[in-house]
Amino acid sequence: MGIPERKEREKEQRRNAIVDAAEKIFFTKGFQESTMDDIANEAELSKGTLYLYFKSKEDLLFAVLIRGTVILNEILERVIDPDITGRDNLLIMADAFIKFSKEHNDHFNLFMRFQSKDLLALNINVDDVFAYLRDQSPLTILGAVVMKGISDGSLRNDIAPELLAATLWSQMLGILMVAYNKKDVYAAFGIDHEALAKVHLELVLNGIIPTNG
């Protein structure tokens, strides 16, 4: 291995070590209470070194978000069944997303934080944001399943697929946010917050079944 390759590998290793440290601090202290000093101390680096790799704390949070997205995307791609309808796959994906929210709760909470923010207003490289939305967002996987549902006749074809996918994504995020933030309230009425999310999605899907289906 030549010197340039070795230096590039060392740079990537240091970057990953910084993200490891940020992930630990964010998950332990919460994003608001975390500081770049905390992350530098955890990574055993100077704060100046952190800024050579990441322009802000929000930029580091974005890097941690991408790690969570990779986990979620792998889960979704694993459960999608090419031999069933797009509509049925949507229900399976919803179950997988709920499972992700439980088993990877720290990543889920950061994920929901980003969904509620204007990404372009954050101190993050705009090109990175658009690359994420185009290539890594779970919305791209959802869009492919919606296209399949339209093709196999299990979903309506009178709504633009990208609009339908975005609507379903927004609906799922919204109901999960409410369900988890208010789960104690629902528990007082004997309502399981996970069941609430599933029923909501089923009701939404009933509205996009073809009239002859």
C-alpha atoms as a PDB file:
ATOM      1  CA  MET A   1       0.000   0.000   0.000  1.00  0.00           C
ATOM      2  CA  GLY A   2       1.415   3.388  -1.020  1.00  0.00           C
ATOM      3  CA  ILE A   3       1.684   6.463   1.194  1.00  0.00           C
ATOM      4  CA  PRO A   4      -1.391   8.233  -0.319  1.00  0.00           C
ATOM      5  CA  GLU A   5      -3.558   5.130   0.185  1.00  0.00           C
ATOM      6  CA  ARG A   6      -2.326   4.705   3.760  1.00  0.00           C
ATOM      7  CA  LYS A   7      -3.019   8.346   4.569  1.00  0.00           C
ATOM      8  CA  GLU A   8      -6.509   8.078   3.095  1.00  0.00           C
ATOM      9  CA  ARG A   9      -7.203   4.951   5.152  1.00  0.00           C
ATOM     10  CA  GLU A  10      -5.962   6.662   8.316  1.00  0.00           C
ATOM     11  CA  LYS A  11      -8.143   9.671   7.560  1.00  0.00           C
ATOM     12  CA  GLU A  12     -11.211   7.461   7.149  1.00  0.00           C
ATOM     13  CA  GLN A  13     -10.401   5.593  10.366  1.00  0.00           C
ATOM     14  CA  ARG A  14     -10.125   8.867  12.268  1.00  0.00           C
ATOM     15  CA  ARG A  15     -13.385  10.095  10.780  1.00  0.00           C
ATOM     16  CA  ASN A  16     -15.129   6.891  11.879  1.00  0.00           C
ATOM     17  CA  ALA A  17     -13.609   7.218  15.349  1.00  0.00           C
ATOM     18  CA  ILE A  18     -15.046  10.737  15.627  1.00  0.00           C
ATOM     19  CA  VAL A  19     -18.491   9.521  14.563  1.00  0.00           C
ATOM     20  CA  ASP A  20     -18.206   6.672  17.101  1.00  0.00           C
ATOM     21  CA  ALA A  21     -17.479   9.220  19.820  1.00  0.00           C
ATOM     22  CA  ALA A  22     -20.303  11.530  18.704  1.00  0.00           C
ATOM     23  CA  GLU A  23     -22.760   8.647  18.603  1.00  0.00           C
ATOM     24  CA  LYS A  24     -21.861   7.640  22.160  1.00  0.00           C
ATOM     25  CA  ILE A  25     -22.124  11.206  23.474  1.00  0.00           C
ATOM     26  CA  PHE A  26     -25.399  11.964  21.673  1.00  0.00           C
ATOM     27  CA  PHE A  27     -26.972   8.732  22.885  1.00  0.00           C
ATOM     28  CA  THR A  28     -25.773   9.286  26.457  1.00  0.00           C
ATOM     29  CA  LYS A  29     -26.307  13.011  26.965  1.00  0.00           C
ATOM     30  CA  GLY A  30     -28.766  13.899  24.229  1.00  0.00           C
ATOM     31  CA  PHE A  31     -27.996  16.159  21.305  1.00  0.00           C
ATOM     32  CA  GLN A  32     -28.882  19.447  22.991  1.00  0.00           C
ATOM     33  CA  GLU A  33     -26.687  18.807  26.027  1.00  0.00           C
ATOM     34  CA  SER A  34     -23.729  17.480  24.029  1.00  0.00           C
ATOM     35  CA  THR A  35     -20.828  19.702  23.034  1.00  0.00           C
ATOM     36  CA  MET A  36     -17.956  19.433  20.605  1.00  0.00           C
ATOM     37  CA  ASP A  37     -15.657  19.432  23.644  1.00  0.00           C
ATOM     38  CA  ASP A  38     -17.457  16.317  24.935  1.00  0.00           C
ATOM     39  CA  ILE A  39     -16.970  14.580  21.600  1.00  0.00           C
ATOM     40  CA  ALA A  40     -13.323  15.630  21.325  1.00  0.00           C
ATOM     41  CA  ASN A  41     -12.625  14.271  24.814  1.00  0.00           C
ATOM     42  CA  GLU A  42     -14.375  10.996  24.001  1.00  0.00           C
ATOM     43  CA  ALA A  43     -12.422  10.649  20.747  1.00  0.00           C
ATOM     44  CA  GLU A  44      -9.193  11.720  22.507  1.00  0.00           C
ATOM     45  CA  LEU A  45      -8.612  14.403  19.889  1.00  0.00           C
ATOM     46  CA  SER A  46      -8.409  18.177  19.941  1.00  0.00           C
ATOM     47  CA  LYS A  47     -11.550  20.102  19.117  1.00  0.00           C
ATOM     48  CA  GLY A  48      -9.651  21.645  16.220  1.00  0.00           C
ATOM     49  CA  THR A  49      -9.144  18.189  14.735  1.00  0.00           C
ATOM     50  CA  LEU A  50     -12.900  17.568  14.896  1.00  0.00           C
ATOM     51  CA  TYR A  51     -13.499  20.689  12.827  1.00  0.00           C
ATOM     52  CA  LEU A  52     -11.108  19.419  10.173  1.00  0.00           C
ATOM     53  CA  TYR A  53     -13.574  16.592   9.564  1.00  0.00           C
ATOM     54  CA  PHE A  54     -16.960  18.079  10.520  1.00  0.00           C
ATOM     55  CA  LYS A  55     -18.086  21.680  10.228  1.00  0.00           C
ATOM     56  CA  SER A  56     -20.501  21.615  13.187  1.00  0.00           C
ATOM     57  CA  LYS A  57     -22.209  19.518  15.819  1.00  0.00           C
ATOM     58  CA  GLU A  58     -25.175  19.271  13.458  1.00  0.00           C
ATOM     59  CA  ASP A  59     -22.871  17.925  10.765  1.00  0.00           C
ATOM     60  CA  LEU A  60     -21.772  15.202  13.188  1.00  0.00           C
ATOM     61  CA  LEU A  61     -25.377  14.446  14.032  1.00  0.00           C
ATOM     62  CA  PHE A  62     -26.025  14.054  10.322  1.00  0.00           C
ATOM     63  CA  ALA A  63     -23.202  11.486  10.131  1.00  0.00           C
ATOM     64  CA  VAL A  64     -24.781   9.534  13.003  1.00  0.00           C
ATOM     65  CA  LEU A  65     -28.162   9.804  11.261  1.00  0.00           C
ATOM     66  CA  ILE A  66     -26.701   8.202   8.138  1.00  0.00           C
ATOM     67  CA  ARG A  67     -25.474   5.267  10.242  1.00  0.00           C
ATOM     68  CA  GLY A  68     -29.016   4.771  11.513  1.00  0.00           C
ATOM     69  CA  THR A  69     -30.368   5.069   7.986  1.00  0.00           C
ATOM     70  CA  VAL A  70     -28.032   2.314   6.816  1.00  0.00           C
ATOM     71  CA  ILE A  71     -29.401   0.040   9.553  1.00  0.00           C
ATOM     72  CA  LEU A  72     -33.009   0.875   8.671  1.00  0.00           C
ATOM     73  CA  ASN A  73     -32.459   0.434   4.944  1.00  0.00           C
ATOM     74  CA  GLU A  74     -30.866  -2.987   5.490  1.00  0.00           C
ATOM     75  CA  ILE A  75     -33.867  -4.030   7.587  1.00  0.00           C
ATOM     76  CA  LEU A  76     -36.359  -2.810   4.979  1.00  0.00           C
ATOM     77  CA  GLU A  77     -34.535  -4.445   2.069  1.00  0.00           C
ATOM     78  CA  ARG A  78     -34.364  -7.714   3.997  1.00  0.00           C
ATOM     79  CA  VAL A  79     -38.121  -7.909   4.656  1.00  0.00           C
ATOM     80  CA  ILE A  80     -39.361  -6.824   1.224  1.00  0.00           C
ATOM     81  CA  ASP A  81     -40.747  -9.836  -0.620  1.00  0.00           C
ATOM     82  CA  PRO A  82     -40.683  -9.606  -4.445  1.00  0.00           C
ATOM     83  CA  ASP A  83     -43.324 -12.337  -4.675  1.00  0.00           C
ATOM     84  CA  ILE A  84     -46.133 -10.400  -2.944  1.00  0.00           C
ATOM     85  CA  THR A  85     -47.994  -7.228  -3.848  1.00  0.00           C
ATOM     86  CA  GLY A  86     -46.692  -3.762  -3.261  1.00  0.00           C
ATOM     87  CA  ARG A  87     -49.522  -3.072  -0.813  1.00  0.00           C
ATOM     88  CA  ASP A  88     -48.671  -6.139   1.281  1.00  0.00           C
ATOM     89  CA  ASN A  89     -45.024  -5.115   1.260  1.00  0.00           C
ATOM     90  CA  LEU A  90     -45.999  -1.705   2.618  1.00  0.00           C
ATOM     91  CA  LEU A  91     -47.582  -3.369   5.649  1.00  0.00           C
ATOM     92  CA  ILE A  92     -44.467  -5.490   6.167  1.00  0.00           C
ATOM     93  CA  MET A  93     -42.274  -2.403   5.888  1.00  0.00           C
ATOM     94  CA  ALA A  94     -44.388  -0.610   8.487  1.00  0.00           C
ATOM     95  CA  ASP A  95     -43.905  -3.493  10.926  1.00  0.00           C
ATOM     96  CA  ALA A  96     -40.160  -3.398  10.232  1.00  0.00           C
ATOM     97  CA  PHE A  97     -40.029   0.346  10.860  1.00  0.00           C
ATOM     98  CA  ILE A  98     -41.830  -0.082  14.182  1.00  0.00           C
ATOM     99  CA  LYS A  99     -39.388  -2.845  15.096  1.00  0.00           C
ATOM    100  CA  PHE A 100     -36.492  -0.551  14.194  1.00  0.00           C
ATOM    101  CA  SER A 101     -37.907   2.145  16.458  1.00  0.00           C
ATOM    102  CA  LYS A 102     -37.830  -0.292  19.385  1.00  0.00           C
ATOM    103  CA  GLU A 103     -34.559  -2.134  18.790  1.00  0.00           C
ATOM    104  CA  HIS A 104     -32.604   0.936  17.681  1.00  0.00           C
ATOM    105  CA  ASN A 105     -34.375   3.528  19.776  1.00  0.00           C
ATOM    106  CA  ASP A 106     -31.439   5.937  20.009  1.00  0.00           C
ATOM    107  CA  HIS A 107     -31.056   6.040  16.245  1.00  0.00           C
ATOM    108  CA  PHE A 108     -34.821   6.317  15.868  1.00  0.00           C
ATOM    109  CA  ASN A 109     -34.963   9.353  18.156  1.00  0.00           C
ATOM    110  CA  LEU A 110     -32.219  11.103  16.187  1.00  0.00           C
ATOM    111  CA  PHE A 111     -33.986  10.093  12.992  1.00  0.00           C
ATOM    112  CA  MET A 112     -37.222  11.713  14.151  1.00  0.00           C
ATOM    113  CA  ARG A 113     -35.324  14.830  15.231  1.00  0.00           C
ATOM    114  CA  PHE A 114     -34.045  15.302  11.696  1.00  0.00           C
ATOM    115  CA  GLN A 115     -37.428  14.625  10.139  1.00  0.00           C
ATOM    116  CA  SER A 116     -38.908  17.483  12.173  1.00  0.00           C
ATOM    117  CA  LYS A 117     -36.226  19.962  11.090  1.00  0.00           C
ATOM    118  CA  ASP A 118     -35.580  21.924   7.924  1.00  0.00           C
ATOM    119  CA  LEU A 119     -32.421  20.124   6.831  1.00  0.00           C
ATOM    120  CA  LEU A 120     -31.399  22.974   4.546  1.00  0.00           C
ATOM    121  CA  ALA A 121     -31.483  25.391   7.503  1.00  0.00           C
ATOM    122  CA  LEU A 122     -29.043  23.290   9.518  1.00  0.00           C
ATOM    123  CA  ASN A 123     -25.283  23.842   9.526  1.00  0.00           C
ATOM    124  CA  ILE A 124     -24.665  20.934   7.149  1.00  0.00           C
ATOM    125  CA  ASN A 125     -23.250  20.798   3.653  1.00  0.00           C
ATOM    126  CA  VAL A 126     -26.223  21.182   1.296  1.00  0.00           C
ATOM    127  CA  ASP A 127     -24.747  18.788  -1.275  1.00  0.00           C
ATOM    128  CA  ASP A 128     -24.481  16.101   1.421  1.00  0.00           C
ATOM    129  CA  VAL A 129     -28.129  16.616   2.326  1.00  0.00           C
ATOM    130  CA  PHE A 130     -29.308  16.206  -1.260  1.00  0.00           C
ATOM    131  CA  ALA A 131     -27.046  13.184  -1.791  1.00  0.00           C
ATOM    132  CA  TYR A 132     -28.612  11.600   1.304  1.00  0.00           C
ATOM    133  CA  LEU A 133     -32.155  12.318   0.150  1.00  0.00           C
ATOM    134  CA  ARG A 134     -31.435  11.013  -3.342  1.00  0.00           C
ATOM    135  CA  ASP A 135     -29.361   7.929  -2.550  1.00  0.00           C
ATOM    136  CA  GLN A 136     -29.805   6.877   1.084  1.00  0.00           C
ATOM    137  CA  SER A 137     -33.169   7.997   2.410  1.00  0.00           C
ATOM    138  CA  PRO A 138     -35.600   5.126   3.147  1.00  0.00           C
ATOM    139  CA  LEU A 139     -38.038   7.102   1.003  1.00  0.00           C
ATOM    140  CA  THR A 140     -36.226   5.766  -2.072  1.00  0.00           C
ATOM    141  CA  ILE A 141     -36.973   2.181  -0.997  1.00  0.00           C
ATOM    142  CA  LEU A 142     -40.575   3.100  -0.252  1.00  0.00           C
ATOM    143  CA  GLY A 143     -40.873   4.698  -3.668  1.00  0.00           C
ATOM    144  CA  ALA A 144     -39.796   1.484  -5.384  1.00  0.00           C
ATOM    145  CA  VAL A 145     -42.399  -0.523  -3.449  1.00  0.00           C
ATOM    146  CA  VAL A 146     -45.096   1.996  -4.344  1.00  0.00           C
ATOM    147  CA  MET A 147     -44.142   1.678  -8.002  1.00  0.00           C
ATOM    148  CA  LYS A 148     -44.477  -2.086  -7.725  1.00  0.00           C
ATOM    149  CA  GLY A 149     -47.892  -1.702  -6.094  1.00  0.00           C
ATOM    150  CA  ILE A 150     -49.085   0.506  -8.927  1.00  0.00           C
ATOM    151  CA  SER A 151     -47.723  -1.939 -11.491  1.00  0.00           C
ATOM    152  CA  ASP A 152     -49.314  -5.009  -9.899  1.00  0.00           C
ATOM    153  CA  GLY A 153     -52.641  -3.235  -9.397  1.00  0.00           C
ATOM    154  CA  SER A 154     -52.668  -3.335  -5.591  1.00  0.00           C
ATOM    155  CA  LEU A 155     -52.363   0.476  -5.367  1.00  0.00           C
ATOM    156  CA  ARG A 156     -54.166   3.248  -7.191  1.00  0.00           C
ATOM    157  CA  ASN A 157     -52.549   4.528 -10.356  1.00  0.00           C
ATOM    158  CA  ASP A 158     -54.192   7.972 -10.413  1.00  0.00           C
ATOM    159  CA  ILE A 159     -51.699   9.488  -7.959  1.00  0.00           C
ATOM    160  CA  ALA A 160     -48.111  10.255  -8.957  1.00  0.00           C
ATOM    161  CA  PRO A 161     -45.940   7.527  -7.383  1.00  0.00           C
ATOM    162  CA  GLU A 162     -43.446   9.975  -5.871  1.00  0.00           C
ATOM    163  CA  LEU A 163     -46.310  11.943  -4.298  1.00  0.00           C
ATOM    164  CA  LEU A 164     -47.943   8.770  -3.006  1.00  0.00           C
ATOM    165  CA  ALA A 165     -44.661   7.544  -1.509  1.00  0.00           C
ATOM    166  CA  ALA A 166     -43.999  10.904   0.154  1.00  0.00           C
ATOM    167  CA  THR A 167     -47.525  10.963   1.574  1.00  0.00           C
ATOM    168  CA  LEU A 168     -47.191   7.467   3.034  1.00  0.00           C
ATOM    169  CA  TRP A 169     -43.782   8.329   4.478  1.00  0.00           C
ATOM    170  CA  SER A 170     -45.124  11.501   6.091  1.00  0.00           C
ATOM    171  CA  GLN A 171     -48.121   9.643   7.488  1.00  0.00           C
ATOM    172  CA  MET A 172     -45.958   6.933   9.042  1.00  0.00           C
ATOM    173  CA  LEU A 173     -43.495   9.372  10.558  1.00  0.00           C
ATOM    174  CA  GLY A 174     -46.289  11.529  11.909  1.00  0.00           C
ATOM    175  CA  ILE A 175     -48.224   8.722  13.565  1.00  0.00           C
ATOM    176  CA  LEU A 176     -45.066   7.196  15.050  1.00  0.00           C
ATOM    177  CA  MET A 177     -44.034  10.548  16.468  1.00  0.00           C
ATOM    178  CA  VAL A 178     -47.432  11.048  18.092  1.00  0.00           C
ATOM    179  CA  ALA A 179     -47.714   7.426  19.202  1.00  0.00           C
ATOM    180  CA  TYR A 180     -44.341   7.415  20.943  1.00  0.00           C
ATOM    181  CA  ASN A 181     -44.587  10.890  22.432  1.00  0.00           C
ATOM    182  CA  LYS A 182     -48.051  10.184  23.827  1.00  0.00           C
ATOM    183  CA  LYS A 183     -47.757   6.462  24.563  1.00  0.00           C
ATOM    184  CA  ASP A 184     -48.429   6.982  28.282  1.00  0.00           C
ATOM    185  CA  VAL A 185     -51.644   8.822  27.449  1.00  0.00           C
ATOM    186  CA  TYR A 186     -52.781   6.033  25.129  1.00  0.00           C
ATOM    187  CA  ALA A 187     -51.819   3.435  27.743  1.00  0.00           C
ATOM    188  CA  ALA A 188     -54.239   5.097  30.151  1.00  0.00           C
ATOM    189  CA  PHE A 189     -56.994   4.185  27.689  1.00  0.00           C
ATOM    190  CA  GLY A 190     -55.666   0.675  27.171  1.00  0.00           C
ATOM    191  CA  ILE A 191     -54.393   1.502  23.678  1.00  0.00           C
ATOM    192  CA  ASP A 192     -51.071   0.066  22.538  1.00  0.00           C
ATOM    193  CA  HIS A 193     -49.110   2.744  20.693  1.00  0.00           C
ATOM    194  CA  GLU A 194     -47.647   0.219  18.237  1.00  0.00           C
ATOM    195  CA  ALA A 195     -51.092  -1.125  17.381  1.00  0.00           C
ATOM    196  CA  LEU A 196     -52.195   2.469  16.855  1.00  0.00           C
ATOM    197  CA  ALA A 197     -49.495   2.984  14.223  1.00  0.00           C
ATOM    198  CA  LYS A 198     -50.402  -0.255  12.418  1.00  0.00           C
ATOM    199  CA  VAL A 199     -54.139   0.469  12.346  1.00  0.00           C
ATOM    200  CA  HIS A 200     -53.470   3.972  11.090  1.00  0.00           C
ATOM    201  CA  LEU A 201     -51.413   2.661   8.182  1.00  0.00           C
ATOM    202  CA  GLU A 202     -54.056   0.067   7.306  1.00  0.00           C
ATOM    203  CA  LEU A 203     -56.682   2.810   7.182  1.00  0.00           C
ATOM    204  CA  VAL A 204     -54.441   4.923   4.949  1.00  0.00           C
ATOM    205  CA  LEU A 205     -53.777   1.983   2.632  1.00  0.00           C
ATOM    206  CA  ASN A 206     -57.502   1.302   2.354  1.00  0.00           C
ATOM    207  CA  GLY A 207     -57.760   4.743   0.796  1.00  0.00           C
ATOM    208  CA  ILE A 208     -55.285   3.956  -1.968  1.00  0.00           C
ATOM    209  CA  ILE A 209     -56.624   0.578  -3.068  1.00  0.00           C
ATOM    210  CA  PRO A 210     -57.984   0.661  -6.634  1.00  0.00           C
ATOM    211  CA  THR A 211     -61.791   0.890  -6.716  1.00  0.00           C
ATOM    212  CA  ASN A 212     -61.940  -2.376  -8.648  1.00  0.00           C
ATOM    213  CA  GLY A 213     -59.556  -4.057  -6.144  1.00  0.00           C
END
